[in-house]
Amino acid sequence: MRSGFKVLLTVFIIVTLGICTARPLSYKPVYSGDGWEIDVIAEVRRVVDGDTFDSFPVGRVRLADINAPELGTPGGEASKRALEYLVGKYGSKVYLDVDDLYVKDRYNRIVAVVYLRFNSTHILNVNE
């Protein structure tokens, strides 16, 4: 019984360490175009506020060079609703151009320019 527990504990530690270290420190572009590149494709799970959302598989994403009003301040709820509208309210596929210099901010959020498909021939820069 004890050796089974040790094996289980060892597997748990290896899996946990693998998950914790699985995120790369930099991203290689999967596609690039005129002045932009896509590093990661993600699905929006929850909009946090006007400049931040949670996604899968990346985690929390902060819109690069955007400073929306915080929730609880004038304009905070409106900016959150605007981002929810743009990303299609929880489930929209987005294309991330991760910031080459910073990658993550001081709150451990991925910093990126976010694009989404507007139609079959165009993409929309959410940050603009």
C-alpha atoms as a PDB file:
ATOM      1  CA  MET A   1       0.000   0.000   0.000  1.00  0.00           C
ATOM      2  CA  ARG A   2       2.802   2.426   0.843  1.00  0.00           C
ATOM      3  CA  SER A   3       4.671   1.827  -2.437  1.00  0.00           C
ATOM      4  CA  GLY A   4       1.438   2.446  -4.378  1.00  0.00           C
ATOM      5  CA  PHE A   5       1.052   5.744  -2.546  1.00  0.00           C
ATOM      6  CA  LYS A   6       4.648   6.724  -3.387  1.00  0.00           C
ATOM      7  CA  VAL A   7       4.087   5.931  -7.067  1.00  0.00           C
ATOM      8  CA  LEU A   8       0.868   7.958  -7.075  1.00  0.00           C
ATOM      9  CA  LEU A   9       2.584  10.858  -5.308  1.00  0.00           C
ATOM     10  CA  THR A  10       5.501  10.748  -7.759  1.00  0.00           C
ATOM     11  CA  VAL A  11       3.142  10.789 -10.763  1.00  0.00           C
ATOM     12  CA  PHE A  12       1.189  13.679  -9.218  1.00  0.00           C
ATOM     13  CA  ILE A  13       4.373  15.722  -8.711  1.00  0.00           C
ATOM     14  CA  ILE A  14       5.635  15.040 -12.244  1.00  0.00           C
ATOM     15  CA  VAL A  15       2.273  15.970 -13.790  1.00  0.00           C
ATOM     16  CA  THR A  16       1.973  19.093 -11.637  1.00  0.00           C
ATOM     17  CA  LEU A  17       5.475  20.259 -12.521  1.00  0.00           C
ATOM     18  CA  GLY A  18       4.786  19.589 -16.180  1.00  0.00           C
ATOM     19  CA  ILE A  19       1.625  21.698 -16.092  1.00  0.00           C
ATOM     20  CA  CYS A  20       3.308  24.531 -14.192  1.00  0.00           C
ATOM     21  CA  THR A  21       6.213  24.731 -16.602  1.00  0.00           C
ATOM     22  CA  ALA A  22       4.279  24.038 -19.810  1.00  0.00           C
ATOM     23  CA  ARG A  23       3.777  27.692 -20.727  1.00  0.00           C
ATOM     24  CA  PRO A  24       6.494  29.064 -22.951  1.00  0.00           C
ATOM     25  CA  LEU A  25       8.328  32.260 -22.078  1.00  0.00           C
ATOM     26  CA  SER A  26       8.112  33.375 -25.686  1.00  0.00           C
ATOM     27  CA  TYR A  27       5.868  32.519 -28.581  1.00  0.00           C
ATOM     28  CA  LYS A  28       6.676  31.637 -32.172  1.00  0.00           C
ATOM     29  CA  PRO A  29       4.267  33.103 -34.718  1.00  0.00           C
ATOM     30  CA  VAL A  30       1.841  30.647 -36.278  1.00  0.00           C
ATOM     31  CA  TYR A  31       0.868  33.160 -38.968  1.00  0.00           C
ATOM     32  CA  SER A  32       1.972  36.647 -39.964  1.00  0.00           C
ATOM     33  CA  GLY A  33       0.676  39.282 -42.331  1.00  0.00           C
ATOM     34  CA  ASP A  34       1.155  42.958 -43.119  1.00  0.00           C
ATOM     35  CA  GLY A  35       2.568  44.323 -39.870  1.00  0.00           C
ATOM     36  CA  TRP A  36       0.972  41.710 -37.604  1.00  0.00           C
ATOM     37  CA  GLU A  37       1.479  38.133 -36.501  1.00  0.00           C
ATOM     38  CA  ILE A  38      -0.546  35.511 -34.702  1.00  0.00           C
ATOM     39  CA  ASP A  39       1.305  33.755 -31.896  1.00  0.00           C
ATOM     40  CA  VAL A  40      -1.587  31.945 -30.206  1.00  0.00           C
ATOM     41  CA  ILE A  41      -5.188  31.070 -30.995  1.00  0.00           C
ATOM     42  CA  ALA A  42      -7.398  31.096 -27.899  1.00  0.00           C
ATOM     43  CA  GLU A  43     -11.027  30.971 -26.828  1.00  0.00           C
ATOM     44  CA  VAL A  44     -12.398  33.741 -24.615  1.00  0.00           C
ATOM     45  CA  ARG A  45     -13.965  32.263 -21.502  1.00  0.00           C
ATOM     46  CA  ARG A  46     -14.743  35.380 -19.407  1.00  0.00           C
ATOM     47  CA  VAL A  47     -14.291  39.116 -19.760  1.00  0.00           C
ATOM     48  CA  VAL A  48     -12.802  40.516 -16.548  1.00  0.00           C
ATOM     49  CA  ASP A  49     -12.959  44.233 -17.375  1.00  0.00           C
ATOM     50  CA  GLY A  50     -12.527  46.550 -20.343  1.00  0.00           C
ATOM     51  CA  ASP A  51      -8.944  45.532 -21.088  1.00  0.00           C
ATOM     52  CA  THR A  52      -8.610  41.996 -19.648  1.00  0.00           C
ATOM     53  CA  PHE A  53     -10.174  38.606 -20.324  1.00  0.00           C
ATOM     54  CA  ASP A  54      -9.648  34.966 -19.380  1.00  0.00           C
ATOM     55  CA  SER A  55      -8.983  32.537 -22.207  1.00  0.00           C
ATOM     56  CA  PHE A  56      -8.197  28.927 -22.903  1.00  0.00           C
ATOM     57  CA  PRO A  57      -5.453  27.697 -23.181  1.00  0.00           C
ATOM     58  CA  VAL A  58      -3.454  30.866 -22.455  1.00  0.00           C
ATOM     59  CA  GLY A  59      -5.021  32.163 -19.264  1.00  0.00           C
ATOM     60  CA  ARG A  60      -5.521  35.827 -18.462  1.00  0.00           C
ATOM     61  CA  VAL A  61      -4.881  38.241 -21.351  1.00  0.00           C
ATOM     62  CA  ARG A  62      -4.361  42.000 -21.134  1.00  0.00           C
ATOM     63  CA  LEU A  63      -4.921  44.127 -24.241  1.00  0.00           C
ATOM     64  CA  ALA A  64      -1.595  45.755 -25.130  1.00  0.00           C
ATOM     65  CA  ASP A  65      -1.483  49.560 -24.915  1.00  0.00           C
ATOM     66  CA  ILE A  66      -5.087  49.810 -23.661  1.00  0.00           C
ATOM     67  CA  ASN A  67      -6.018  51.347 -20.320  1.00  0.00           C
ATOM     68  CA  ALA A  68      -9.764  50.963 -19.792  1.00  0.00           C
ATOM     69  CA  PRO A  69     -11.474  52.395 -16.697  1.00  0.00           C
ATOM     70  CA  GLU A  70     -11.476  50.016 -13.726  1.00  0.00           C
ATOM     71  CA  LEU A  71     -14.728  48.417 -12.602  1.00  0.00           C
ATOM     72  CA  GLY A  72     -16.438  50.544  -9.979  1.00  0.00           C
ATOM     73  CA  THR A  73     -15.248  53.785 -11.616  1.00  0.00           C
ATOM     74  CA  PRO A  74     -17.132  55.863 -14.196  1.00  0.00           C
ATOM     75  CA  GLY A  75     -17.029  54.035 -17.512  1.00  0.00           C
ATOM     76  CA  GLY A  76     -15.805  50.746 -16.015  1.00  0.00           C
ATOM     77  CA  GLU A  77     -18.944  48.709 -16.670  1.00  0.00           C
ATOM     78  CA  ALA A  78     -19.422  50.269 -20.113  1.00  0.00           C
ATOM     79  CA  SER A  79     -15.869  49.362 -21.151  1.00  0.00           C
ATOM     80  CA  LYS A  80     -16.395  45.778 -19.943  1.00  0.00           C
ATOM     81  CA  ARG A  81     -19.642  45.502 -21.925  1.00  0.00           C
ATOM     82  CA  ALA A  82     -17.899  46.903 -25.018  1.00  0.00           C
ATOM     83  CA  LEU A  83     -15.167  44.236 -24.818  1.00  0.00           C
ATOM     84  CA  GLU A  84     -17.798  41.536 -24.223  1.00  0.00           C
ATOM     85  CA  TYR A  85     -19.599  42.706 -27.334  1.00  0.00           C
ATOM     86  CA  LEU A  86     -16.427  42.693 -29.421  1.00  0.00           C
ATOM     87  CA  VAL A  87     -15.249  39.226 -28.442  1.00  0.00           C
ATOM     88  CA  GLY A  88     -18.715  37.729 -28.734  1.00  0.00           C
ATOM     89  CA  LYS A  89     -19.439  37.156 -25.062  1.00  0.00           C
ATOM     90  CA  TYR A  90     -17.505  34.188 -23.708  1.00  0.00           C
ATOM     91  CA  GLY A  91     -16.568  31.713 -26.364  1.00  0.00           C
ATOM     92  CA  SER A  92     -15.251  33.668 -29.267  1.00  0.00           C
ATOM     93  CA  LYS A  93     -12.050  32.493 -30.926  1.00  0.00           C
ATOM     94  CA  VAL A  94      -9.367  35.191 -30.785  1.00  0.00           C
ATOM     95  CA  TYR A  95      -5.935  35.457 -32.350  1.00  0.00           C
ATOM     96  CA  LEU A  96      -3.192  36.843 -30.111  1.00  0.00           C
ATOM     97  CA  ASP A  97      -0.089  38.740 -31.183  1.00  0.00           C
ATOM     98  CA  VAL A  98       1.849  38.441 -27.931  1.00  0.00           C
ATOM     99  CA  ASP A  99       4.046  41.417 -27.031  1.00  0.00           C
ATOM    100  CA  ASP A 100       7.596  40.523 -28.090  1.00  0.00           C
ATOM    101  CA  LEU A 101       9.252  42.611 -25.387  1.00  0.00           C
ATOM    102  CA  TYR A 102       7.212  41.996 -22.239  1.00  0.00           C
ATOM    103  CA  VAL A 103       5.142  38.829 -22.926  1.00  0.00           C
ATOM    104  CA  LYS A 104       3.575  39.134 -19.419  1.00  0.00           C
ATOM    105  CA  ASP A 105       2.829  42.099 -17.193  1.00  0.00           C
ATOM    106  CA  ARG A 106       3.443  42.434 -13.448  1.00  0.00           C
ATOM    107  CA  TYR A 107       0.143  40.648 -12.732  1.00  0.00           C
ATOM    108  CA  ASN A 108       1.262  37.627 -14.821  1.00  0.00           C
ATOM    109  CA  ARG A 109      -1.210  38.366 -17.637  1.00  0.00           C
ATOM    110  CA  ILE A 110      -0.245  37.742 -21.257  1.00  0.00           C
ATOM    111  CA  VAL A 111       0.074  41.126 -22.994  1.00  0.00           C
ATOM    112  CA  ALA A 112      -1.167  40.971 -26.573  1.00  0.00           C
ATOM    113  CA  VAL A 113      -2.795  42.649 -29.508  1.00  0.00           C
ATOM    114  CA  VAL A 114      -6.037  40.725 -29.982  1.00  0.00           C
ATOM    115  CA  TYR A 115      -7.642  40.003 -33.337  1.00  0.00           C
ATOM    116  CA  LEU A 116     -10.903  38.300 -34.183  1.00  0.00           C
ATOM    117  CA  ARG A 117     -12.448  37.208 -37.437  1.00  0.00           C
ATOM    118  CA  PHE A 118     -14.784  39.893 -38.738  1.00  0.00           C
ATOM    119  CA  ASN A 119     -15.896  37.913 -41.798  1.00  0.00           C
ATOM    120  CA  SER A 120     -14.397  35.409 -44.226  1.00  0.00           C
ATOM    121  CA  THR A 121     -11.853  37.905 -45.593  1.00  0.00           C
ATOM    122  CA  HIS A 122     -11.189  40.381 -42.760  1.00  0.00           C
ATOM    123  CA  ILE A 123      -9.967  40.376 -39.180  1.00  0.00           C
ATOM    124  CA  LEU A 124     -10.663  43.022 -36.557  1.00  0.00           C
ATOM    125  CA  ASN A 125      -8.005  44.470 -34.272  1.00  0.00           C
ATOM    126  CA  VAL A 126      -9.787  44.542 -30.894  1.00  0.00           C
ATOM    127  CA  ASN A 127      -7.133  46.825 -29.390  1.00  0.00           C
ATOM    128  CA  GLU A 128      -7.957  49.552 -31.919  1.00  0.00           C
END
